[in-house]
Amino acid sequence: MNASSLLTLDAIINLVLGVLLIVFPSGLVSILGIPNVEVAFYPSILGGVLFGTGIALLIQHVRGSSGLGLEGAISINLSGGLVLAGWVLFGALSLPLRGRILLWALVV
C-alpha cells in the first residue's frame, strides 16, 4: 500500500470516528462495551477535531503535499470550533457566565 492510499484510508477512519464521536450514540457505546459518559461534551469535541483531521488529510491527498499546511490546520480548528459552538448554543449545559465566556472565546 503506497503513502497516498494510506493517507486516504487514515482520512476515512478519522472522518468515521469523528462522526461517531460527534453524535456519540449511547446504543453503540453499550454494544461496544466501552465506558459511557453522562454528557457527551468531550467526546463530541474530540469527534469534531478528528473529523477536521480527516478533512485535512483529504486536502493533503488531493494536493499531493507532504504536510497538512494552513488549510489542514484551518479545517481542524473550524470543525472542532463548530462542534463547540453547537454545544454552547444548543447543548443543555449548565454553566456559569465565566464558563460560557471561556467557551465562546475558544470558538472565536
C-alpha atoms as a PDB file:
ATOM      1  CA  MET A   1       0.000   0.000   0.000  1.00  0.00           C
ATOM      2  CA  ASN A   2       1.531   3.332  -1.028  1.00  0.00           C
ATOM      3  CA  ALA A   3       1.590   6.546   1.035  1.00  0.00           C
ATOM      4  CA  SER A   4      -1.296   8.091  -0.893  1.00  0.00           C
ATOM      5  CA  SER A   5      -3.544   5.112  -0.179  1.00  0.00           C
ATOM      6  CA  LEU A   6      -2.570   5.160   3.490  1.00  0.00           C
ATOM      7  CA  LEU A   7      -3.425   8.862   3.749  1.00  0.00           C
ATOM      8  CA  THR A   8      -6.822   8.229   2.174  1.00  0.00           C
ATOM      9  CA  LEU A   9      -7.508   5.297   4.494  1.00  0.00           C
ATOM     10  CA  ASP A  10      -6.437   7.364   7.504  1.00  0.00           C
ATOM     11  CA  ALA A  11      -8.695  10.220   6.364  1.00  0.00           C
ATOM     12  CA  ILE A  12     -11.688   7.869   6.072  1.00  0.00           C
ATOM     13  CA  ILE A  13     -11.029   6.395   9.529  1.00  0.00           C
ATOM     14  CA  ASN A  14     -10.783   9.897  11.047  1.00  0.00           C
ATOM     15  CA  LEU A  15     -13.996  11.003   9.336  1.00  0.00           C
ATOM     16  CA  VAL A  16     -15.941   7.942  10.524  1.00  0.00           C
ATOM     17  CA  LEU A  17     -14.587   8.128  14.081  1.00  0.00           C
ATOM     18  CA  GLY A  18     -15.241  11.854  14.092  1.00  0.00           C
ATOM     19  CA  VAL A  19     -18.893  11.449  13.135  1.00  0.00           C
ATOM     20  CA  LEU A  20     -19.379   8.643  15.666  1.00  0.00           C
ATOM     21  CA  LEU A  21     -17.887  10.742  18.451  1.00  0.00           C
ATOM     22  CA  ILE A  22     -19.806  13.866  17.433  1.00  0.00           C
ATOM     23  CA  VAL A  23     -23.135  12.062  17.759  1.00  0.00           C
ATOM     24  CA  PHE A  24     -21.842   9.655  20.473  1.00  0.00           C
ATOM     25  CA  PRO A  25     -24.745   7.186  20.208  1.00  0.00           C
ATOM     26  CA  SER A  26     -25.343   5.509  23.554  1.00  0.00           C
ATOM     27  CA  GLY A  27     -26.615   2.337  21.852  1.00  0.00           C
ATOM     28  CA  LEU A  28     -23.312   1.877  20.074  1.00  0.00           C
ATOM     29  CA  VAL A  29     -21.437   2.571  23.296  1.00  0.00           C
ATOM     30  CA  SER A  30     -23.215  -0.270  25.073  1.00  0.00           C
ATOM     31  CA  ILE A  31     -22.776  -2.643  22.106  1.00  0.00           C
ATOM     32  CA  LEU A  32     -19.027  -1.967  22.055  1.00  0.00           C
ATOM     33  CA  GLY A  33     -18.810  -2.299  25.830  1.00  0.00           C
ATOM     34  CA  ILE A  34     -16.907   0.949  26.246  1.00  0.00           C
ATOM     35  CA  PRO A  35     -17.395   3.421  29.116  1.00  0.00           C
ATOM     36  CA  ASN A  36     -20.327   5.757  28.752  1.00  0.00           C
ATOM     37  CA  VAL A  37     -20.427   9.367  29.865  1.00  0.00           C
ATOM     38  CA  GLU A  38     -23.305  11.369  31.295  1.00  0.00           C
ATOM     39  CA  VAL A  39     -22.794  14.256  28.881  1.00  0.00           C
ATOM     40  CA  ALA A  40     -21.118  13.691  25.529  1.00  0.00           C
ATOM     41  CA  PHE A  41     -19.446  17.128  25.568  1.00  0.00           C
ATOM     42  CA  TYR A  42     -15.815  15.991  25.497  1.00  0.00           C
ATOM     43  CA  PRO A  43     -16.264  13.005  23.168  1.00  0.00           C
ATOM     44  CA  SER A  44     -18.125  15.160  20.649  1.00  0.00           C
ATOM     45  CA  ILE A  45     -15.451  17.882  20.728  1.00  0.00           C
ATOM     46  CA  LEU A  46     -12.851  15.177  20.073  1.00  0.00           C
ATOM     47  CA  GLY A  47     -15.072  13.951  17.246  1.00  0.00           C
ATOM     48  CA  GLY A  48     -15.063  17.418  15.706  1.00  0.00           C
ATOM     49  CA  VAL A  49     -11.273  17.530  15.843  1.00  0.00           C
ATOM     50  CA  LEU A  50     -10.978  14.028  14.326  1.00  0.00           C
ATOM     51  CA  PHE A  51     -13.439  14.952  11.593  1.00  0.00           C
ATOM     52  CA  GLY A  52     -11.389  18.073  10.820  1.00  0.00           C
ATOM     53  CA  THR A  53      -8.254  15.911  10.738  1.00  0.00           C
ATOM     54  CA  GLY A  54      -9.935  13.656   8.184  1.00  0.00           C
ATOM     55  CA  ILE A  55     -10.737  16.680   6.027  1.00  0.00           C
ATOM     56  CA  ALA A  56      -7.153  17.930   6.411  1.00  0.00           C
ATOM     57  CA  LEU A  57      -5.795  14.552   5.293  1.00  0.00           C
ATOM     58  CA  LEU A  58      -8.064  14.556   2.251  1.00  0.00           C
ATOM     59  CA  ILE A  59      -6.851  18.058   1.350  1.00  0.00           C
ATOM     60  CA  GLN A  60      -3.274  16.828   1.725  1.00  0.00           C
ATOM     61  CA  HIS A  61      -4.042  13.831  -0.501  1.00  0.00           C
ATOM     62  CA  VAL A  62      -5.701  15.934  -3.223  1.00  0.00           C
ATOM     63  CA  ARG A  63      -2.882  18.475  -3.235  1.00  0.00           C
ATOM     64  CA  GLY A  64      -0.199  15.816  -3.056  1.00  0.00           C
ATOM     65  CA  SER A  65       1.557  17.767  -0.333  1.00  0.00           C
ATOM     66  CA  SER A  66       3.727  16.310   2.392  1.00  0.00           C
ATOM     67  CA  GLY A  67       2.154  18.202   5.294  1.00  0.00           C
ATOM     68  CA  LEU A  68      -1.238  19.353   6.484  1.00  0.00           C
ATOM     69  CA  GLY A  69      -0.450  23.015   5.792  1.00  0.00           C
ATOM     70  CA  LEU A  70      -2.600  26.038   6.589  1.00  0.00           C
ATOM     71  CA  GLU A  71      -5.749  24.588   5.008  1.00  0.00           C
ATOM     72  CA  GLY A  72      -5.420  21.482   7.159  1.00  0.00           C
ATOM     73  CA  ALA A  73      -4.938  23.454  10.338  1.00  0.00           C
ATOM     74  CA  ILE A  74      -7.930  25.625   9.493  1.00  0.00           C
ATOM     75  CA  SER A  75     -10.155  22.615   8.775  1.00  0.00           C
ATOM     76  CA  ILE A  76      -9.249  21.028  12.126  1.00  0.00           C
ATOM     77  CA  ASN A  77      -9.888  24.260  14.044  1.00  0.00           C
ATOM     78  CA  LEU A  78     -13.142  25.021  12.223  1.00  0.00           C
ATOM     79  CA  SER A  79     -14.538  21.553  12.688  1.00  0.00           C
ATOM     80  CA  GLY A  80     -13.748  21.428  16.404  1.00  0.00           C
ATOM     81  CA  GLY A  81     -14.938  25.022  16.826  1.00  0.00           C
ATOM     82  CA  LEU A  82     -18.257  24.348  15.104  1.00  0.00           C
ATOM     83  CA  VAL A  83     -18.962  21.387  17.368  1.00  0.00           C
ATOM     84  CA  LEU A  84     -18.090  23.509  20.404  1.00  0.00           C
ATOM     85  CA  ALA A  85     -20.355  26.328  19.155  1.00  0.00           C
ATOM     86  CA  GLY A  86     -23.153  23.788  18.753  1.00  0.00           C
ATOM     87  CA  TRP A  87     -22.733  22.770  22.380  1.00  0.00           C
ATOM     88  CA  VAL A  88     -22.752  26.350  23.613  1.00  0.00           C
ATOM     89  CA  LEU A  89     -25.815  27.233  21.522  1.00  0.00           C
ATOM     90  CA  PHE A  90     -27.894  24.055  21.719  1.00  0.00           C
ATOM     91  CA  GLY A  91     -26.382  21.822  24.409  1.00  0.00           C
ATOM     92  CA  ALA A  92     -28.119  21.567  27.734  1.00  0.00           C
ATOM     93  CA  LEU A  93     -25.063  22.827  29.579  1.00  0.00           C
ATOM     94  CA  SER A  94     -25.481  24.346  32.992  1.00  0.00           C
ATOM     95  CA  LEU A  95     -22.557  26.751  33.011  1.00  0.00           C
ATOM     96  CA  PRO A  96     -21.727  29.891  34.953  1.00  0.00           C
ATOM     97  CA  LEU A  97     -21.183  33.035  32.903  1.00  0.00           C
ATOM     98  CA  ARG A  98     -17.383  32.664  33.084  1.00  0.00           C
ATOM     99  CA  GLY A  99     -17.687  29.169  31.559  1.00  0.00           C
ATOM    100  CA  ARG A 100     -19.814  30.447  28.670  1.00  0.00           C
ATOM    101  CA  ILE A 101     -17.375  33.307  28.089  1.00  0.00           C
ATOM    102  CA  LEU A 102     -14.441  30.896  28.043  1.00  0.00           C
ATOM    103  CA  LEU A 103     -16.162  28.527  25.607  1.00  0.00           C
ATOM    104  CA  TRP A 104     -17.169  31.367  23.277  1.00  0.00           C
ATOM    105  CA  ALA A 105     -13.598  32.661  23.376  1.00  0.00           C
ATOM    106  CA  LEU A 106     -12.407  29.216  22.288  1.00  0.00           C
ATOM    107  CA  VAL A 107     -14.969  29.148  19.465  1.00  0.00           C
ATOM    108  CA  VAL A 108     -13.784  32.542  18.229  1.00  0.00           C
END
